[in-house]
Amino acid sequence: MFERNGSTGTEAFTHPHFKKFLRYFLFGANLPKEAIDEFEKQVGNPQWFSGSDIIDLTKKTRAIVRNYGLKDWQYVNEFYLLALDNGLSAANADSVRRAAKDAARR
């Protein structure tokens, strides 16, 4: 992405926006550990996660947003990343993001 935008080599690594990507690559989604643990427990083994499980996961996502006060918009995309990190498909991760966004609005 940085190369497409004209930043190459060390220029890409010193770009001001690179830091947030590096943080994600090193540490994962920027959410409280307890929130991540609850989310991962709800997902379980991603190999067995099915389309019908997304309903319960989106409910759990909204509850996590409310319970941990994660109503800032910055957290919405973090839930998307967390879902991808847990092996969910892009479509299911997007459903999780929409649930977090919905809970953040309220």
N, C-alpha and C. Protein backbone atom coordinates (compact mmCIF):
# COMPACT_ATOMS: atom_id res chain seq x y z
N MET A 1 0.82 -1.19 0.00
CA MET A 1 0.00 0.00 0.00
C MET A 1 0.87 1.26 0.00
N PHE A 2 1.91 1.25 0.81
CA PHE A 2 2.79 2.42 0.85
C PHE A 2 3.52 2.61 -0.48
N GLU A 3 3.94 1.49 -1.08
CA GLU A 3 4.62 1.58 -2.37
C GLU A 3 3.68 2.12 -3.44
N ARG A 4 2.43 1.68 -3.43
CA ARG A 4 1.46 2.20 -4.40
C ARG A 4 1.29 3.70 -4.27
N ASN A 5 1.45 4.20 -3.06
CA ASN A 5 1.29 5.64 -2.80
C ASN A 5 2.60 6.42 -2.93
N GLY A 6 3.65 5.75 -3.42
CA GLY A 6 4.90 6.45 -3.69
C GLY A 6 5.95 6.37 -2.60
N SER A 7 5.70 5.67 -1.51
CA SER A 7 6.69 5.52 -0.44
C SER A 7 7.35 4.15 -0.59
N THR A 8 8.66 4.14 -0.76
CA THR A 8 9.37 2.88 -0.91
C THR A 8 10.55 2.82 0.06
N GLY A 9 11.01 1.60 0.30
CA GLY A 9 12.18 1.41 1.17
C GLY A 9 11.99 2.01 2.55
N THR A 10 13.05 2.66 3.04
CA THR A 10 12.99 3.25 4.38
C THR A 10 11.97 4.38 4.46
N GLU A 11 11.65 4.96 3.31
CA GLU A 11 10.63 6.02 3.29
C GLU A 11 9.28 5.48 3.77
N ALA A 12 8.97 4.24 3.40
CA ALA A 12 7.71 3.62 3.84
C ALA A 12 7.72 3.39 5.34
N PHE A 13 8.86 2.94 5.88
CA PHE A 13 8.94 2.65 7.31
C PHE A 13 8.93 3.90 8.18
N THR A 14 9.30 5.02 7.62
CA THR A 14 9.30 6.26 8.39
C THR A 14 8.06 7.09 8.14
N HIS A 15 7.17 6.58 7.31
CA HIS A 15 5.92 7.29 7.04
C HIS A 15 5.10 7.35 8.32
N PRO A 16 4.48 8.49 8.65
CA PRO A 16 3.75 8.62 9.91
C PRO A 16 2.63 7.60 10.10
N HIS A 17 2.05 7.11 9.03
CA HIS A 17 0.93 6.16 9.16
C HIS A 17 1.39 4.72 9.28
N PHE A 18 2.68 4.46 9.07
CA PHE A 18 3.19 3.10 9.15
C PHE A 18 3.13 2.56 10.58
N LYS A 19 3.28 3.43 11.55
CA LYS A 19 3.33 3.01 12.95
C LYS A 19 2.09 2.22 13.36
N LYS A 20 0.90 2.66 12.92
CA LYS A 20 -0.31 1.93 13.32
C LYS A 20 -0.36 0.54 12.70
N PHE A 21 0.18 0.39 11.48
CA PHE A 21 0.23 -0.93 10.85
C PHE A 21 1.24 -1.82 11.57
N LEU A 22 2.37 -1.27 11.93
CA LEU A 22 3.38 -2.03 12.65
C LEU A 22 2.83 -2.49 13.99
N ARG A 23 2.14 -1.62 14.69
CA ARG A 23 1.54 -1.97 15.97
C ARG A 23 0.59 -3.14 15.81
N TYR A 24 -0.24 -3.10 14.76
CA TYR A 24 -1.19 -4.19 14.51
C TYR A 24 -0.45 -5.50 14.20
N PHE A 25 0.57 -5.43 13.35
CA PHE A 25 1.31 -6.64 12.99
C PHE A 25 1.98 -7.27 14.20
N LEU A 26 2.43 -6.45 15.13
CA LEU A 26 3.11 -6.96 16.31
C LEU A 26 2.16 -7.43 17.41
N PHE A 27 1.07 -6.70 17.63
CA PHE A 27 0.22 -6.94 18.80
C PHE A 27 -1.22 -7.32 18.49
N GLY A 28 -1.66 -7.21 17.25
CA GLY A 28 -3.04 -7.54 16.91
C GLY A 28 -3.97 -6.37 17.15
N ALA A 29 -5.25 -6.68 17.21
CA ALA A 29 -6.28 -5.65 17.38
C ALA A 29 -6.06 -4.85 18.66
N ASN A 30 -6.29 -3.55 18.57
CA ASN A 30 -6.08 -2.65 19.70
C ASN A 30 -7.35 -2.57 20.55
N LEU A 31 -7.56 -3.64 21.31
CA LEU A 31 -8.73 -3.76 22.19
C LEU A 31 -8.26 -4.30 23.54
N PRO A 32 -9.03 -4.06 24.60
CA PRO A 32 -8.65 -4.62 25.91
C PRO A 32 -8.56 -6.15 25.85
N LYS A 33 -7.60 -6.70 26.56
CA LYS A 33 -7.39 -8.15 26.56
C LYS A 33 -8.65 -8.91 26.94
N GLU A 34 -9.39 -8.40 27.91
CA GLU A 34 -10.61 -9.08 28.35
C GLU A 34 -11.65 -9.12 27.24
N ALA A 35 -11.75 -8.03 26.47
CA ALA A 35 -12.71 -7.98 25.35
C ALA A 35 -12.30 -8.98 24.28
N ILE A 36 -11.01 -9.06 24.00
CA ILE A 36 -10.51 -10.02 23.01
C ILE A 36 -10.79 -11.44 23.48
N ASP A 37 -10.55 -11.72 24.76
CA ASP A 37 -10.78 -13.06 25.29
C ASP A 37 -12.25 -13.47 25.16
N GLU A 38 -13.17 -12.54 25.48
CA GLU A 38 -14.60 -12.83 25.35
C GLU A 38 -14.98 -13.11 23.90
N PHE A 39 -14.46 -12.30 23.01
CA PHE A 39 -14.74 -12.46 21.59
C PHE A 39 -14.24 -13.82 21.10
N GLU A 40 -12.99 -14.15 21.44
CA GLU A 40 -12.40 -15.41 20.99
C GLU A 40 -13.14 -16.61 21.57
N LYS A 41 -13.61 -16.48 22.80
CA LYS A 41 -14.38 -17.57 23.41
C LYS A 41 -15.68 -17.78 22.63
N GLN A 42 -16.32 -16.69 22.21
CA GLN A 42 -17.56 -16.80 21.45
C GLN A 42 -17.31 -17.44 20.08
N VAL A 43 -16.20 -17.09 19.44
CA VAL A 43 -15.87 -17.67 18.13
C VAL A 43 -15.56 -19.16 18.27
N GLY A 44 -14.80 -19.50 19.30
CA GLY A 44 -14.39 -20.89 19.46
C GLY A 44 -13.41 -21.28 18.36
N ASN A 45 -13.50 -22.51 17.91
CA ASN A 45 -12.64 -23.00 16.83
C ASN A 45 -13.19 -22.46 15.51
N PRO A 46 -12.45 -21.61 14.82
CA PRO A 46 -12.96 -21.03 13.58
C PRO A 46 -13.26 -22.06 12.50
N GLN A 47 -12.66 -23.23 12.63
CA GLN A 47 -12.93 -24.30 11.68
C GLN A 47 -14.40 -24.71 11.72
N TRP A 48 -15.01 -24.58 12.88
CA TRP A 48 -16.40 -24.99 13.05
C TRP A 48 -17.37 -23.82 13.03
N PHE A 49 -16.87 -22.61 12.80
CA PHE A 49 -17.73 -21.42 12.76
C PHE A 49 -18.55 -21.44 11.47
N SER A 50 -19.86 -21.31 11.62
CA SER A 50 -20.73 -21.37 10.45
C SER A 50 -21.53 -20.08 10.30
N GLY A 51 -22.26 -19.99 9.22
CA GLY A 51 -23.07 -18.80 8.95
C GLY A 51 -24.09 -18.52 10.03
N SER A 52 -24.62 -19.55 10.65
CA SER A 52 -25.61 -19.33 11.70
C SER A 52 -24.97 -18.82 12.99
N ASP A 53 -23.68 -19.02 13.17
CA ASP A 53 -22.98 -18.56 14.37
C ASP A 53 -22.77 -17.04 14.38
N ILE A 54 -22.85 -16.42 13.22
CA ILE A 54 -22.59 -14.98 13.13
C ILE A 54 -23.63 -14.18 13.90
N ILE A 55 -24.84 -14.68 14.00
CA ILE A 55 -25.90 -13.97 14.75
C ILE A 55 -25.50 -13.83 16.22
N ASP A 56 -25.08 -14.92 16.82
CA ASP A 56 -24.65 -14.87 18.22
C ASP A 56 -23.39 -14.03 18.40
N LEU A 57 -22.48 -14.10 17.43
CA LEU A 57 -21.25 -13.34 17.53
C LEU A 57 -21.51 -11.84 17.42
N THR A 58 -22.42 -11.43 16.56
CA THR A 58 -22.71 -10.00 16.46
C THR A 58 -23.41 -9.50 17.72
N LYS A 59 -24.25 -10.32 18.32
CA LYS A 59 -24.86 -9.95 19.60
C LYS A 59 -23.78 -9.79 20.67
N LYS A 60 -22.85 -10.73 20.70
CA LYS A 60 -21.76 -10.68 21.67
C LYS A 60 -20.88 -9.46 21.42
N THR A 61 -20.62 -9.14 20.16
CA THR A 61 -19.81 -7.98 19.82
C THR A 61 -20.45 -6.70 20.36
N ARG A 62 -21.76 -6.55 20.14
CA ARG A 62 -22.46 -5.36 20.66
C ARG A 62 -22.36 -5.30 22.19
N ALA A 63 -22.49 -6.44 22.84
CA ALA A 63 -22.40 -6.48 24.31
C ALA A 63 -20.98 -6.10 24.77
N ILE A 64 -19.97 -6.58 24.07
CA ILE A 64 -18.59 -6.25 24.43
C ILE A 64 -18.35 -4.75 24.28
N VAL A 65 -18.83 -4.17 23.19
CA VAL A 65 -18.67 -2.73 22.98
C VAL A 65 -19.30 -1.96 24.13
N ARG A 66 -20.50 -2.35 24.52
CA ARG A 66 -21.19 -1.66 25.63
C ARG A 66 -20.49 -1.90 26.96
N ASN A 67 -20.17 -3.15 27.26
CA ASN A 67 -19.59 -3.50 28.56
C ASN A 67 -18.23 -2.88 28.82
N TYR A 68 -17.44 -2.70 27.77
CA TYR A 68 -16.09 -2.16 27.94
C TYR A 68 -16.00 -0.70 27.51
N GLY A 69 -17.13 -0.09 27.18
CA GLY A 69 -17.13 1.33 26.80
C GLY A 69 -16.33 1.62 25.55
N LEU A 70 -16.38 0.71 24.59
CA LEU A 70 -15.59 0.85 23.35
C LEU A 70 -16.40 1.56 22.28
N LYS A 71 -16.95 2.71 22.64
CA LYS A 71 -17.85 3.42 21.74
C LYS A 71 -17.15 4.42 20.83
N ASP A 72 -15.85 4.58 20.96
CA ASP A 72 -15.11 5.44 20.04
C ASP A 72 -15.05 4.75 18.69
N TRP A 73 -15.11 5.53 17.63
CA TRP A 73 -15.12 4.98 16.28
C TRP A 73 -13.85 4.21 15.96
N GLN A 74 -12.75 4.52 16.65
CA GLN A 74 -11.49 3.82 16.38
C GLN A 74 -11.62 2.32 16.63
N TYR A 75 -12.51 1.91 17.52
CA TYR A 75 -12.63 0.51 17.87
C TYR A 75 -13.43 -0.30 16.85
N VAL A 76 -14.24 0.36 16.05
CA VAL A 76 -15.07 -0.34 15.08
C VAL A 76 -14.21 -1.20 14.15
N ASN A 77 -13.18 -0.62 13.58
CA ASN A 77 -12.32 -1.37 12.67
C ASN A 77 -11.47 -2.39 13.41
N GLU A 78 -11.18 -2.15 14.67
CA GLU A 78 -10.41 -3.12 15.46
C GLU A 78 -11.17 -4.44 15.58
N PHE A 79 -12.49 -4.36 15.69
CA PHE A 79 -13.29 -5.59 15.75
C PHE A 79 -13.23 -6.35 14.42
N TYR A 80 -13.20 -5.62 13.33
CA TYR A 80 -13.04 -6.24 12.01
C TYR A 80 -11.71 -7.01 11.96
N LEU A 81 -10.64 -6.36 12.40
CA LEU A 81 -9.32 -6.99 12.41
C LEU A 81 -9.30 -8.20 13.34
N LEU A 82 -9.94 -8.07 14.50
CA LEU A 82 -10.00 -9.17 15.45
C LEU A 82 -10.72 -10.37 14.84
N ALA A 83 -11.80 -10.12 14.13
CA ALA A 83 -12.54 -11.21 13.49
C ALA A 83 -11.66 -11.91 12.44
N LEU A 84 -10.94 -11.12 11.65
CA LEU A 84 -10.04 -11.72 10.66
C LEU A 84 -8.95 -12.52 11.35
N ASP A 85 -8.41 -11.98 12.45
CA ASP A 85 -7.36 -12.68 13.20
C ASP A 85 -7.85 -14.02 13.75
N ASN A 86 -9.17 -14.10 13.97
CA ASN A 86 -9.75 -15.33 14.50
C ASN A 86 -10.21 -16.29 13.41
N GLY A 87 -9.83 -16.00 12.17
CA GLY A 87 -10.10 -16.93 11.09
C GLY A 87 -11.45 -16.80 10.43
N LEU A 88 -12.18 -15.72 10.73
CA LEU A 88 -13.48 -15.54 10.09
C LEU A 88 -13.31 -15.00 8.68
N SER A 89 -14.29 -15.24 7.86
CA SER A 89 -14.26 -14.74 6.49
C SER A 89 -14.41 -13.22 6.48
N ALA A 90 -14.07 -12.61 5.37
CA ALA A 90 -14.22 -11.15 5.25
C ALA A 90 -15.67 -10.74 5.41
N ALA A 91 -16.60 -11.54 4.91
CA ALA A 91 -18.03 -11.22 5.04
C ALA A 91 -18.46 -11.27 6.50
N ASN A 92 -18.03 -12.29 7.23
CA ASN A 92 -18.38 -12.37 8.65
C ASN A 92 -17.69 -11.27 9.44
N ALA A 93 -16.45 -10.96 9.10
CA ALA A 93 -15.73 -9.87 9.77
C ALA A 93 -16.44 -8.55 9.54
N ASP A 94 -16.99 -8.36 8.36
CA ASP A 94 -17.74 -7.13 8.08
C ASP A 94 -19.02 -7.07 8.91
N SER A 95 -19.67 -8.20 9.13
CA SER A 95 -20.85 -8.25 10.00
C SER A 95 -20.48 -7.86 11.42
N VAL A 96 -19.31 -8.31 11.86
CA VAL A 96 -18.83 -7.94 13.20
C VAL A 96 -18.57 -6.44 13.26
N ARG A 97 -17.95 -5.90 12.22
CA ARG A 97 -17.68 -4.46 12.19
C ARG A 97 -18.99 -3.66 12.25
N ARG A 98 -19.99 -4.09 11.50
CA ARG A 98 -21.27 -3.39 11.51
C ARG A 98 -21.94 -3.47 12.87
N ALA A 99 -21.79 -4.60 13.56
CA ALA A 99 -22.35 -4.73 14.91
C ALA A 99 -21.66 -3.78 15.88
N ALA A 100 -20.33 -3.69 15.78
CA ALA A 100 -19.58 -2.77 16.64
C ALA A 100 -19.97 -1.33 16.34
N LYS A 101 -20.14 -1.01 15.07
CA LYS A 101 -20.54 0.34 14.67
C LYS A 101 -21.92 0.68 15.21
N ASP A 102 -22.83 -0.28 15.12
CA ASP A 102 -24.19 -0.09 15.63
C ASP A 102 -24.18 0.16 17.14
N ALA A 103 -23.38 -0.62 17.87
CA ALA A 103 -23.31 -0.46 19.33
C ALA A 103 -22.63 0.85 19.70
N ALA A 104 -21.68 1.29 18.88
CA ALA A 104 -20.96 2.55 19.17
C ALA A 104 -21.87 3.76 18.99
N ARG A 105 -22.86 3.64 18.13
CA ARG A 105 -23.79 4.75 17.89
C ARG A 105 -24.76 4.97 19.04
N ARG A 106 -24.99 3.96 19.82
CA ARG A 106 -26.02 4.04 20.86
C ARG A 106 -25.47 4.52 22.16
